[in-house]
All heavy atoms as atom14 arrays in JSON, in Angstrom:
{
  "sequence": "QVSLIDDNAVGIEKRLLAGEVDLALGNCLHA",
  "atom14_mask": [
    [1, 1, 1, 1, 1, 1, 1, 1, 1, 0, 0, 0, 0, 0],
    [1, 1, 1, 1, 1, 1, 1, 0, 0, 0, 0, 0, 0, 0],
    [1, 1, 1, 1, 1, 1, 0, 0, 0, 0, 0, 0, 0, 0],
    [1, 1, 1, 1, 1, 1, 1, 1, 0, 0, 0, 0, 0, 0],
    [1, 1, 1, 1, 1, 1, 1, 1, 0, 0, 0, 0, 0, 0],
    [1, 1, 1, 1, 1, 1, 1, 1, 0, 0, 0, 0, 0, 0],
    [1, 1, 1, 1, 1, 1, 1, 1, 0, 0, 0, 0, 0, 0],
    [1, 1, 1, 1, 1, 1, 1, 1, 0, 0, 0, 0, 0, 0],
    [1, 1, 1, 1, 1, 0, 0, 0, 0, 0, 0, 0, 0, 0],
    [1, 1, 1, 1, 1, 1, 1, 0, 0, 0, 0, 0, 0, 0],
    [1, 1, 1, 1, 0, 0, 0, 0, 0, 0, 0, 0, 0, 0],
    [1, 1, 1, 1, 1, 1, 1, 1, 0, 0, 0, 0, 0, 0],
    [1, 1, 1, 1, 1, 1, 1, 1, 1, 0, 0, 0, 0, 0],
    [1, 1, 1, 1, 1, 1, 1, 1, 1, 0, 0, 0, 0, 0],
    [1, 1, 1, 1, 1, 1, 1, 1, 1, 1, 1, 0, 0, 0],
    [1, 1, 1, 1, 1, 1, 1, 1, 0, 0, 0, 0, 0, 0],
    [1, 1, 1, 1, 1, 1, 1, 1, 0, 0, 0, 0, 0, 0],
    [1, 1, 1, 1, 1, 0, 0, 0, 0, 0, 0, 0, 0, 0],
    [1, 1, 1, 1, 0, 0, 0, 0, 0, 0, 0, 0, 0, 0],
    [1, 1, 1, 1, 1, 1, 1, 1, 1, 0, 0, 0, 0, 0],
    [1, 1, 1, 1, 1, 1, 1, 0, 0, 0, 0, 0, 0, 0],
    [1, 1, 1, 1, 1, 1, 1, 1, 0, 0, 0, 0, 0, 0],
    [1, 1, 1, 1, 1, 1, 1, 1, 0, 0, 0, 0, 0, 0],
    [1, 1, 1, 1, 1, 0, 0, 0, 0, 0, 0, 0, 0, 0],
    [1, 1, 1, 1, 1, 1, 1, 1, 0, 0, 0, 0, 0, 0],
    [1, 1, 1, 1, 0, 0, 0, 0, 0, 0, 0, 0, 0, 0],
    [1, 1, 1, 1, 1, 1, 1, 1, 0, 0, 0, 0, 0, 0],
    [1, 1, 1, 1, 1, 1, 0, 0, 0, 0, 0, 0, 0, 0],
    [1, 1, 1, 1, 1, 1, 1, 1, 0, 0, 0, 0, 0, 0],
    [1, 1, 1, 1, 1, 1, 1, 1, 1, 1, 0, 0, 0, 0],
    [1, 1, 1, 1, 1, 0, 0, 0, 0, 0, 0, 0, 0, 0]
  ],
  "atom14_positions": [
    [[-34.24, -50.78, 212.46], [-33.33, -50.11, 211.54], [-33.48, -48.6, 211.73], [-34.59, -48.06, 211.61], [-33.63, -50.48, 210.1], [-33.4, -51.96, 209.78], [-33.71, -52.28, 208.33], [-34.51, -51.63, 207.68], [-33.06, -53.31, 207.81], [0.0, 0.0, 0.0], [0.0, 0.0, 0.0], [0.0, 0.0, 0.0], [0.0, 0.0, 0.0], [0.0, 0.0, 0.0]],
    [[-32.39, -47.92, 212.01], [-32.43, -46.48, 212.31], [-31.73, -45.69, 211.21], [-30.61, -46.02, 210.82], [-31.78, -46.17, 213.67], [-31.85, -44.67, 213.96], [-32.45, -46.97, 214.78], [0.0, 0.0, 0.0], [0.0, 0.0, 0.0], [0.0, 0.0, 0.0], [0.0, 0.0, 0.0], [0.0, 0.0, 0.0], [0.0, 0.0, 0.0], [0.0, 0.0, 0.0]],
    [[-32.4, -44.64, 210.73], [-31.8, -43.73, 209.75], [-31.77, -42.33, 210.36], [-32.77, -41.85, 210.88], [-32.64, -43.68, 208.46], [-32.66, -44.94, 207.83], [0.0, 0.0, 0.0], [0.0, 0.0, 0.0], [0.0, 0.0, 0.0], [0.0, 0.0, 0.0], [0.0, 0.0, 0.0], [0.0, 0.0, 0.0], [0.0, 0.0, 0.0], [0.0, 0.0, 0.0]],
    [[-30.6, -41.68, 210.31], [-30.43, -40.34, 210.86], [-29.99, -39.39, 209.76], [-29.01, -39.65, 209.07], [-29.41, -40.35, 212.0], [-29.01, -38.99, 212.57], [-30.21, -38.28, 213.17], [-27.9, -39.14, 213.6], [0.0, 0.0, 0.0], [0.0, 0.0, 0.0], [0.0, 0.0, 0.0], [0.0, 0.0, 0.0], [0.0, 0.0, 0.0], [0.0, 0.0, 0.0]],
    [[-30.73, -38.29, 209.61], [-30.41, -37.28, 208.6], [-30.15, -35.97, 209.34], [-30.98, -35.54, 210.14], [-31.57, -37.08, 207.61], [-31.92, -38.4, 206.92], [-31.24, -36.0, 206.6], [-33.21, -38.35, 206.12], [0.0, 0.0, 0.0], [0.0, 0.0, 0.0], [0.0, 0.0, 0.0], [0.0, 0.0, 0.0], [0.0, 0.0, 0.0], [0.0, 0.0, 0.0]],
    [[-29.0, -35.33, 209.09], [-28.8, -34.01, 209.69], [-29.08, -32.94, 208.64], [-28.76, -33.07, 207.47], [-27.42, -33.88, 210.33], [-26.27, -34.0, 209.35], [-26.52, -33.9, 208.15], [-25.13, -34.17, 209.79], [0.0, 0.0, 0.0], [0.0, 0.0, 0.0], [0.0, 0.0, 0.0], [0.0, 0.0, 0.0], [0.0, 0.0, 0.0], [0.0, 0.0, 0.0]],
    [[-29.72, -31.87, 209.11], [-30.16, -30.79, 208.22], [-30.33, -29.55, 209.1], [-30.31, -29.65, 210.34], [-31.47, -31.17, 207.52], [-31.66, -30.43, 206.21], [-31.03, -29.37, 206.02], [-32.43, -30.91, 205.36], [0.0, 0.0, 0.0], [0.0, 0.0, 0.0], [0.0, 0.0, 0.0], [0.0, 0.0, 0.0], [0.0, 0.0, 0.0], [0.0, 0.0, 0.0]],
    [[-30.51, -28.41, 208.47], [-30.75, -27.21, 209.26], [-32.19, -27.19, 209.77], [-32.99, -28.08, 209.45], [-30.44, -25.94, 208.46], [-31.25, -25.86, 207.18], [-32.38, -26.34, 207.09], [-30.66, -25.26, 206.15], [0.0, 0.0, 0.0], [0.0, 0.0, 0.0], [0.0, 0.0, 0.0], [0.0, 0.0, 0.0], [0.0, 0.0, 0.0], [0.0, 0.0, 0.0]],
    [[-32.53, -26.19, 210.57], [-33.85, -26.13, 211.2], [-34.99, -26.13, 210.17], [-36.02, -26.78, 210.36], [-33.95, -24.91, 212.1], [0.0, 0.0, 0.0], [0.0, 0.0, 0.0], [0.0, 0.0, 0.0], [0.0, 0.0, 0.0], [0.0, 0.0, 0.0], [0.0, 0.0, 0.0], [0.0, 0.0, 0.0], [0.0, 0.0, 0.0], [0.0, 0.0, 0.0]],
    [[-34.77, -25.43, 209.08], [-35.8, -25.38, 208.03], [-35.95, -26.75, 207.39], [-37.06, -27.24, 207.17], [-35.44, -24.33, 206.96], [-36.43, -24.38, 205.8], [-35.42, -22.93, 207.57], [0.0, 0.0, 0.0], [0.0, 0.0, 0.0], [0.0, 0.0, 0.0], [0.0, 0.0, 0.0], [0.0, 0.0, 0.0], [0.0, 0.0, 0.0], [0.0, 0.0, 0.0]],
    [[-34.82, -27.38, 207.12], [-34.83, -28.68, 206.44], [-35.49, -29.78, 207.24], [-36.27, -30.57, 206.7], [0.0, 0.0, 0.0], [0.0, 0.0, 0.0], [0.0, 0.0, 0.0], [0.0, 0.0, 0.0], [0.0, 0.0, 0.0], [0.0, 0.0, 0.0], [0.0, 0.0, 0.0], [0.0, 0.0, 0.0], [0.0, 0.0, 0.0], [0.0, 0.0, 0.0]],
    [[-35.18, -29.86, 208.56], [-35.76, -30.96, 209.34], [-37.27, -30.78, 209.48], [-38.02, -31.77, 209.51], [-35.1, -31.08, 210.74], [-35.35, -29.84, 211.59], [-33.62, -31.36, 210.61], [-34.89, -30.0, 213.03], [0.0, 0.0, 0.0], [0.0, 0.0, 0.0], [0.0, 0.0, 0.0], [0.0, 0.0, 0.0], [0.0, 0.0, 0.0], [0.0, 0.0, 0.0]],
    [[-37.72, -29.54, 209.54], [-39.16, -29.31, 209.63], [-39.86, -29.71, 208.34], [-40.93, -30.33, 208.36], [-39.41, -27.83, 209.95], [-40.83, -27.53, 210.39], [-40.96, -26.12, 210.92], [-40.29, -25.77, 211.91], [-41.75, -25.34, 210.33], [0.0, 0.0, 0.0], [0.0, 0.0, 0.0], [0.0, 0.0, 0.0], [0.0, 0.0, 0.0], [0.0, 0.0, 0.0]],
    [[-39.27, -29.38, 207.21], [-39.83, -29.75, 205.91], [-39.88, -31.27, 205.75], [-40.87, -31.83, 205.26], [-39.01, -29.13, 204.77], [-39.23, -27.64, 204.59], [-38.43, -27.12, 203.41], [-38.69, -25.64, 203.17], [-37.9, -25.11, 202.02], [0.0, 0.0, 0.0], [0.0, 0.0, 0.0], [0.0, 0.0, 0.0], [0.0, 0.0, 0.0], [0.0, 0.0, 0.0]],
    [[-38.82, -31.94, 206.17], [-38.77, -33.4, 206.06], [-39.86, -34.05, 206.92], [-40.47, -35.03, 206.51], [-37.39, -33.91, 206.49], [-36.27, -33.58, 205.53], [-34.93, -34.06, 206.05], [-33.81, -33.64, 205.23], [-33.38, -34.26, 204.15], [-33.99, -35.37, 203.76], [-32.35, -33.82, 203.45], [0.0, 0.0, 0.0], [0.0, 0.0, 0.0], [0.0, 0.0, 0.0]],
    [[-40.07, -33.5, 208.1], [-41.1, -34.04, 208.99], [-42.49, -33.89, 208.38], [-43.27, -34.84, 208.32], [-41.04, -33.34, 210.35], [-42.06, -33.84, 211.38], [-41.66, -35.21, 211.9], [-42.19, -32.85, 212.53], [0.0, 0.0, 0.0], [0.0, 0.0, 0.0], [0.0, 0.0, 0.0], [0.0, 0.0, 0.0], [0.0, 0.0, 0.0], [0.0, 0.0, 0.0]],
    [[-42.8, -32.69, 207.91], [-44.13, -32.43, 207.36], [-44.35, -33.17, 206.03], [-45.49, -33.48, 205.68], [-44.33, -30.93, 207.16], [-44.39, -30.11, 208.45], [-44.49, -28.62, 208.14], [-45.58, -30.54, 209.32], [0.0, 0.0, 0.0], [0.0, 0.0, 0.0], [0.0, 0.0, 0.0], [0.0, 0.0, 0.0], [0.0, 0.0, 0.0], [0.0, 0.0, 0.0]],
    [[-43.27, -33.48, 205.33], [-43.38, -34.23, 204.07], [-43.5, -35.72, 204.31], [-43.72, -36.49, 203.38], [-42.18, -33.94, 203.18], [0.0, 0.0, 0.0], [0.0, 0.0, 0.0], [0.0, 0.0, 0.0], [0.0, 0.0, 0.0], [0.0, 0.0, 0.0], [0.0, 0.0, 0.0], [0.0, 0.0, 0.0], [0.0, 0.0, 0.0], [0.0, 0.0, 0.0]],
    [[-43.33, -36.16, 205.55], [-43.44, -37.58, 205.87], [-42.16, -38.36, 205.62], [-42.17, -39.59, 205.64], [0.0, 0.0, 0.0], [0.0, 0.0, 0.0], [0.0, 0.0, 0.0], [0.0, 0.0, 0.0], [0.0, 0.0, 0.0], [0.0, 0.0, 0.0], [0.0, 0.0, 0.0], [0.0, 0.0, 0.0], [0.0, 0.0, 0.0], [0.0, 0.0, 0.0]],
    [[-41.04, -37.66, 205.42], [-39.77, -38.34, 205.16], [-39.17, -38.94, 206.42], [-38.39, -39.89, 206.36], [-38.77, -37.36, 204.54], [-39.16, -36.84, 203.16], [-38.16, -35.85, 202.63], [-36.99, -35.88, 203.08], [-38.52, -35.04, 201.75], [0.0, 0.0, 0.0], [0.0, 0.0, 0.0], [0.0, 0.0, 0.0], [0.0, 0.0, 0.0], [0.0, 0.0, 0.0]],
    [[-39.5, -38.35, 207.58], [-38.97, -38.84, 208.86], [-40.1, -38.97, 209.87], [-41.16, -38.34, 209.73], [-37.87, -37.9, 209.41], [-36.67, -37.88, 208.49], [-38.41, -36.49, 209.63], [0.0, 0.0, 0.0], [0.0, 0.0, 0.0], [0.0, 0.0, 0.0], [0.0, 0.0, 0.0], [0.0, 0.0, 0.0], [0.0, 0.0, 0.0], [0.0, 0.0, 0.0]],
    [[-39.85, -39.77, 210.9], [-40.85, -39.96, 211.96], [-40.78, -38.86, 213.01], [-41.8, -38.42, 213.54], [-40.62, -41.31, 212.66], [-40.66, -42.48, 211.69], [-41.72, -42.67, 211.06], [-39.65, -43.19, 211.55], [0.0, 0.0, 0.0], [0.0, 0.0, 0.0], [0.0, 0.0, 0.0], [0.0, 0.0, 0.0], [0.0, 0.0, 0.0], [0.0, 0.0, 0.0]],
    [[-39.55, -38.43, 213.31], [-39.32, -37.43, 214.35], [-38.25, -36.46, 213.91], [-37.41, -36.78, 213.07], [-38.88, -38.11, 215.65], [-39.87, -39.07, 216.32], [-39.16, -39.91, 217.38], [-41.03, -38.31, 216.94], [0.0, 0.0, 0.0], [0.0, 0.0, 0.0], [0.0, 0.0, 0.0], [0.0, 0.0, 0.0], [0.0, 0.0, 0.0], [0.0, 0.0, 0.0]],
    [[-38.27, -35.27, 214.49], [-37.23, -34.28, 214.21], [-36.72, -33.71, 215.52], [-37.48, -33.55, 216.48], [-37.79, -33.17, 213.32], [0.0, 0.0, 0.0], [0.0, 0.0, 0.0], [0.0, 0.0, 0.0], [0.0, 0.0, 0.0], [0.0, 0.0, 0.0], [0.0, 0.0, 0.0], [0.0, 0.0, 0.0], [0.0, 0.0, 0.0], [0.0, 0.0, 0.0]],
    [[-35.44, -33.42, 215.56], [-34.8, -32.85, 216.76], [-34.11, -31.55, 216.4], [-33.3, -31.5, 215.47], [-33.77, -33.83, 217.32], [-34.3, -34.95, 218.21], [-33.37, -36.14, 218.16], [-34.45, -34.45, 219.63], [0.0, 0.0, 0.0], [0.0, 0.0, 0.0], [0.0, 0.0, 0.0], [0.0, 0.0, 0.0], [0.0, 0.0, 0.0], [0.0, 0.0, 0.0]],
    [[-34.46, -30.5, 217.13], [-33.85, -29.21, 216.86], [-34.73, -28.1, 217.39], [-35.6, -28.32, 218.24], [0.0, 0.0, 0.0], [0.0, 0.0, 0.0], [0.0, 0.0, 0.0], [0.0, 0.0, 0.0], [0.0, 0.0, 0.0], [0.0, 0.0, 0.0], [0.0, 0.0, 0.0], [0.0, 0.0, 0.0], [0.0, 0.0, 0.0], [0.0, 0.0, 0.0]],
    [[-34.5, -26.89, 216.88], [-35.33, -25.76, 217.26], [-36.44, -25.62, 216.23], [-36.2, -25.33, 215.06], [-34.51, -24.48, 217.37], [-33.63, -24.23, 216.16], [-32.88, -25.1, 215.73], [-33.72, -23.03, 215.6], [0.0, 0.0, 0.0], [0.0, 0.0, 0.0], [0.0, 0.0, 0.0], [0.0, 0.0, 0.0], [0.0, 0.0, 0.0], [0.0, 0.0, 0.0]],
    [[-37.66, -25.87, 216.65], [-38.81, -25.83, 215.74], [-39.14, -24.38, 215.41], [-39.37, -23.56, 216.31], [-40.01, -26.52, 216.41], [-41.45, -26.65, 215.36], [0.0, 0.0, 0.0], [0.0, 0.0, 0.0], [0.0, 0.0, 0.0], [0.0, 0.0, 0.0], [0.0, 0.0, 0.0], [0.0, 0.0, 0.0], [0.0, 0.0, 0.0], [0.0, 0.0, 0.0]],
    [[-39.15, -24.05, 214.14], [-39.41, -22.68, 213.71], [-40.88, -22.31, 213.78], [-41.23, -21.14, 213.86], [-38.89, -22.48, 212.28], [-37.4, -22.76, 212.07], [-37.04, -22.58, 210.6], [-36.56, -21.86, 212.95], [0.0, 0.0, 0.0], [0.0, 0.0, 0.0], [0.0, 0.0, 0.0], [0.0, 0.0, 0.0], [0.0, 0.0, 0.0], [0.0, 0.0, 0.0]],
    [[-41.73, -23.32, 213.72], [-43.18, -23.07, 213.74], [-43.84, -23.98, 214.77], [-44.68, -24.81, 214.45], [-43.79, -23.31, 212.35], [-43.16, -22.48, 211.28], [-42.11, -22.93, 210.49], [-43.41, -21.21, 210.87], [-41.76, -21.97, 209.64], [-42.53, -20.93, 209.84], [0.0, 0.0, 0.0], [0.0, 0.0, 0.0], [0.0, 0.0, 0.0], [0.0, 0.0, 0.0]],
    [[-43.44, -23.8, 216.03], [-43.95, -24.65, 217.11], [-45.46, -24.5, 217.29], [-46.13, -25.39, 217.81], [-43.24, -24.32, 218.42], [0.0, 0.0, 0.0], [0.0, 0.0, 0.0], [0.0, 0.0, 0.0], [0.0, 0.0, 0.0], [0.0, 0.0, 0.0], [0.0, 0.0, 0.0], [0.0, 0.0, 0.0], [0.0, 0.0, 0.0], [0.0, 0.0, 0.0]]
  ]
}
């Protein structure tokens, strides 16, 4: 089962660190 959430660069990073998603795709602001 696949769930895809689109968000801005800040949002996807926050979601990843909060454990809401497994992976994030985009430009990482804090690589």
